[in-house]
């Protein structure tokens, strides 16, 4: 595990990088979208996937769009080491508090993750049809890091209830076990199919 401080658009981040399998878990907004860094870390620990998280240890939380997360050294290393990325994000859509959106350029991988989440976390609905995913949550921009690995990736947009077991922010956040198990099962299924090799 390597930790490194980086500065992007005037915002200080602490990155944590652990190199593992070619499937990688990425949390670009761990300091803003509560629970995403903890969720990525737990799944990577259980599966041996590569992990990169960004958190903001100081200052007010600042959301920098994924497409503007500059290619700092940890992200460059992550993207060169992995071939399939699963990027965890948080959404706060009040109309869909139990909906997980599976966007990103790798549609077959999105369906594998959605099926695993449906089995392990049936309290949530996972949407893979791009036309049913709100445009800002689709994760299809070519500059989005989720799409910069060889096999592209899956952008999971998770509601608050799928990211943390606490109604108010805590440090650290504790992701709900069914969601952890669902993403873990999906990552294992992708690894067994040779994804990321």
Protein backbone atom coordinates (compact mmCIF):
# COMPACT_ATOMS: atom_id res chain seq x y z
CA UNK A 1 0.00 0.00 0.00
CA UNK A 2 1.32 3.43 -0.96
CA UNK A 3 -0.10 6.73 0.21
CA UNK A 4 0.67 10.00 -1.53
CA UNK A 5 -0.51 13.59 -1.31
CA UNK A 6 -1.51 15.16 -4.63
CA UNK A 7 -3.00 18.51 -5.56
CA UNK A 8 -5.62 18.85 -8.29
CA UNK A 9 -7.20 22.18 -9.18
CA UNK A 10 -6.08 23.65 -5.88
CA UNK A 11 -7.55 20.81 -3.81
CA UNK A 12 -5.36 18.59 -1.64
CA UNK A 13 -6.00 14.85 -1.82
CA UNK A 14 -4.59 11.87 -0.01
CA UNK A 15 -4.37 8.89 -2.35
CA UNK A 16 -4.04 5.29 -1.27
CA UNK A 17 -2.86 2.81 -3.90
CA UNK A 18 -2.56 -0.96 -3.51
CA UNK A 19 -1.52 -2.94 -6.57
CA UNK A 20 -3.19 -6.29 -7.02
CA UNK A 21 -5.21 -8.07 -9.71
CA UNK A 22 -5.83 -6.51 -13.15
CA UNK A 23 -9.39 -5.65 -12.08
CA UNK A 24 -9.21 -2.35 -10.22
CA UNK A 25 -11.50 -0.56 -7.77
CA UNK A 26 -11.43 3.23 -7.92
CA UNK A 27 -12.97 5.83 -5.59
CA UNK A 28 -12.23 9.29 -6.97
CA UNK A 29 -14.49 11.15 -4.55
CA UNK A 30 -13.95 9.34 -1.27
CA UNK A 31 -13.82 12.60 0.63
CA UNK A 32 -17.07 13.88 -0.87
CA UNK A 33 -19.24 10.86 -1.68
CA UNK A 34 -19.23 9.21 1.73
CA UNK A 35 -18.68 5.48 1.90
CA UNK A 36 -17.23 5.03 -1.58
CA UNK A 37 -13.60 4.82 -0.43
CA UNK A 38 -14.49 2.45 2.39
CA UNK A 39 -16.59 0.29 0.07
CA UNK A 40 -13.82 0.10 -2.54
CA UNK A 41 -11.26 -0.73 0.14
CA UNK A 42 -13.33 -3.53 1.64
CA UNK A 43 -14.06 -5.16 -1.72
CA UNK A 44 -10.42 -4.90 -2.82
CA UNK A 45 -9.27 -6.44 0.47
CA UNK A 46 -11.61 -9.40 0.01
CA UNK A 47 -10.86 -10.00 -3.68
CA UNK A 48 -7.24 -8.94 -4.17
CA UNK A 49 -8.25 -6.32 -6.73
CA UNK A 50 -6.08 -3.27 -7.30
CA UNK A 51 -7.29 -0.28 -5.29
CA UNK A 52 -6.98 3.50 -5.59
CA UNK A 53 -8.88 5.91 -3.36
CA UNK A 54 -8.88 9.69 -3.16
CA UNK A 55 -9.87 11.40 0.09
CA UNK A 56 -9.67 15.01 1.28
CA UNK A 57 -8.18 15.06 4.78
CA UNK A 58 -8.27 18.85 5.11
CA UNK A 59 -10.42 21.73 3.96
CA UNK A 60 -14.04 21.78 2.84
CA UNK A 61 -15.10 18.82 0.66
CA UNK A 62 -14.75 19.77 -3.00
CA UNK A 63 -16.20 17.77 -5.87
CA UNK A 64 -14.04 17.79 -8.99
CA UNK A 65 -15.73 16.01 -11.92
CA UNK A 66 -14.15 12.72 -12.87
CA UNK A 67 -13.20 14.01 -16.30
CA UNK A 68 -11.03 16.68 -14.65
CA UNK A 69 -9.17 14.42 -12.24
CA UNK A 70 -5.77 15.06 -13.77
CA UNK A 71 -3.43 12.14 -14.44
CA UNK A 72 -1.47 12.39 -11.20
CA UNK A 73 1.17 9.74 -10.53
CA UNK A 74 -1.07 7.39 -8.47
CA UNK A 75 -3.85 7.48 -11.08
CA UNK A 76 -1.36 6.95 -13.91
CA UNK A 77 0.06 3.92 -12.09
CA UNK A 78 -3.43 2.56 -11.43
CA UNK A 79 -4.47 2.93 -15.07
CA UNK A 80 -1.28 1.32 -16.38
CA UNK A 81 -1.58 -1.63 -13.97
CA UNK A 82 -5.27 -2.43 -14.38
CA UNK A 83 -7.17 -3.41 -17.50
CA UNK A 84 -10.74 -3.18 -16.15
CA UNK A 85 -11.90 -0.50 -13.72
CA UNK A 86 -14.87 -0.45 -11.37
CA UNK A 87 -15.34 3.13 -10.25
CA UNK A 88 -17.54 3.77 -7.20
CA UNK A 89 -19.50 7.02 -6.94
CA UNK A 90 -22.38 8.37 -4.92
CA UNK A 91 -25.62 9.93 -6.11
CA UNK A 92 -28.19 11.80 -4.05
CA UNK A 93 -31.23 11.55 -6.30
CA UNK A 94 -34.19 11.84 -3.94
CA UNK A 95 -36.53 10.15 -6.39
CA UNK A 96 -34.37 7.00 -6.49
CA UNK A 97 -32.99 6.40 -2.96
CA UNK A 98 -32.66 2.66 -3.54
CA UNK A 99 -31.41 2.65 -7.13
CA UNK A 100 -27.86 1.79 -8.17
CA UNK A 101 -26.89 2.88 -11.67
CA UNK A 102 -24.28 0.81 -13.53
CA UNK A 103 -22.78 2.98 -16.24
CA UNK A 104 -19.37 3.02 -17.90
CA UNK A 105 -18.17 1.74 -21.26
CA UNK A 106 -17.96 -1.98 -20.45
CA UNK A 107 -21.59 -3.02 -20.68
CA UNK A 108 -21.10 -6.80 -20.23
CA UNK A 109 -19.17 -6.17 -16.99
CA UNK A 110 -21.92 -3.79 -15.85
CA UNK A 111 -24.48 -6.56 -16.27
CA UNK A 112 -22.32 -9.04 -14.30
CA UNK A 113 -22.06 -6.59 -11.40
CA UNK A 114 -25.78 -5.78 -11.57
CA UNK A 115 -26.72 -9.46 -11.40
CA UNK A 116 -24.47 -10.00 -8.40
CA UNK A 117 -25.90 -6.96 -6.62
CA UNK A 118 -29.45 -8.11 -7.34
CA UNK A 119 -28.68 -11.47 -5.71
CA UNK A 120 -26.86 -10.12 -2.64
CA UNK A 121 -28.60 -6.79 -2.11
CA UNK A 122 -32.21 -7.23 -3.29
CA UNK A 123 -33.30 -4.13 -1.35
CA UNK A 124 -31.70 -2.13 -4.16
CA UNK A 125 -32.53 -1.99 -7.85
CA UNK A 126 -29.53 -1.94 -10.18
CA UNK A 127 -30.12 -0.31 -13.57
CA UNK A 128 -27.91 -1.14 -16.56
CA UNK A 129 -29.96 0.19 -19.48
CA UNK A 130 -28.15 3.38 -20.42
CA UNK A 131 -31.31 5.17 -21.54
CA UNK A 132 -32.72 4.64 -18.02
CA UNK A 133 -29.65 6.12 -16.33
CA UNK A 134 -29.65 9.92 -15.86
CA UNK A 135 -27.22 11.40 -18.36
CA UNK A 136 -24.77 12.83 -15.78
CA UNK A 137 -24.47 9.40 -14.14
CA UNK A 138 -23.74 7.31 -17.22
CA UNK A 139 -19.94 7.54 -16.98
CA UNK A 140 -19.37 7.34 -20.72
CA UNK A 141 -17.11 10.36 -21.31
CA UNK A 142 -13.85 9.23 -22.96
CA UNK A 143 -11.82 11.32 -20.46
CA UNK A 144 -13.44 9.65 -17.46
CA UNK A 145 -10.77 7.45 -15.80
CA UNK A 146 -13.25 4.55 -15.64
CA UNK A 147 -12.96 4.28 -19.43
CA UNK A 148 -9.18 4.70 -19.74
CA UNK A 149 -8.12 1.11 -19.06
CA UNK A 150 -7.83 -1.43 -21.87
CA UNK A 151 -11.23 -3.01 -21.25
CA UNK A 152 -12.93 0.17 -20.06
CA UNK A 153 -14.96 -0.18 -16.93
CA UNK A 154 -18.13 0.13 -14.89
CA UNK A 155 -19.19 3.27 -13.06
CA UNK A 156 -21.39 2.33 -10.13
CA UNK A 157 -23.47 5.26 -8.88
CA UNK A 158 -24.70 4.35 -5.41
CA UNK A 159 -27.36 6.08 -3.30
CA UNK A 160 -26.54 7.00 0.30
CA UNK A 161 -28.30 3.90 1.64
CA UNK A 162 -26.01 1.68 -0.45
CA UNK A 163 -22.84 3.45 0.72
CA UNK A 164 -23.20 3.76 4.48
CA UNK A 165 -25.12 2.25 7.36
CA UNK A 166 -25.26 5.62 9.15
CA UNK A 167 -27.83 8.33 8.38
CA UNK A 168 -25.30 11.03 9.32
CA UNK A 169 -21.68 11.21 8.09
CA UNK A 170 -19.17 9.27 10.16
CA UNK A 171 -15.46 8.70 9.90
CA UNK A 172 -14.93 6.11 8.68
CA UNK A 173 -18.17 5.26 6.94
CA UNK A 174 -19.42 1.66 7.26
CA UNK A 175 -20.84 0.30 3.99
CA UNK A 176 -23.83 -2.08 4.22
CA UNK A 177 -22.71 -5.70 4.10
CA UNK A 178 -25.15 -6.84 1.36
CA UNK A 179 -23.74 -4.21 -1.02
CA UNK A 180 -20.17 -5.17 -0.13
CA UNK A 181 -21.03 -8.81 -0.79
CA UNK A 182 -22.74 -7.98 -4.07
CA UNK A 183 -19.84 -6.01 -5.50
CA UNK A 184 -17.41 -8.62 -4.16
CA UNK A 185 -19.34 -11.39 -5.93
CA UNK A 186 -19.42 -9.36 -9.13
CA UNK A 187 -15.68 -8.71 -9.01
CA UNK A 188 -14.97 -12.39 -8.37
CA UNK A 189 -17.23 -13.39 -11.27
CA UNK A 190 -15.40 -10.99 -13.59
CA UNK A 191 -12.05 -12.35 -12.45
CA UNK A 192 -13.19 -15.93 -13.05
CA UNK A 193 -14.26 -14.98 -16.56
CA UNK A 194 -10.80 -13.61 -17.20
CA UNK A 195 -11.85 -9.96 -17.16
CA UNK A 196 -8.93 -7.65 -16.81
CA UNK A 197 -6.35 -10.13 -18.12
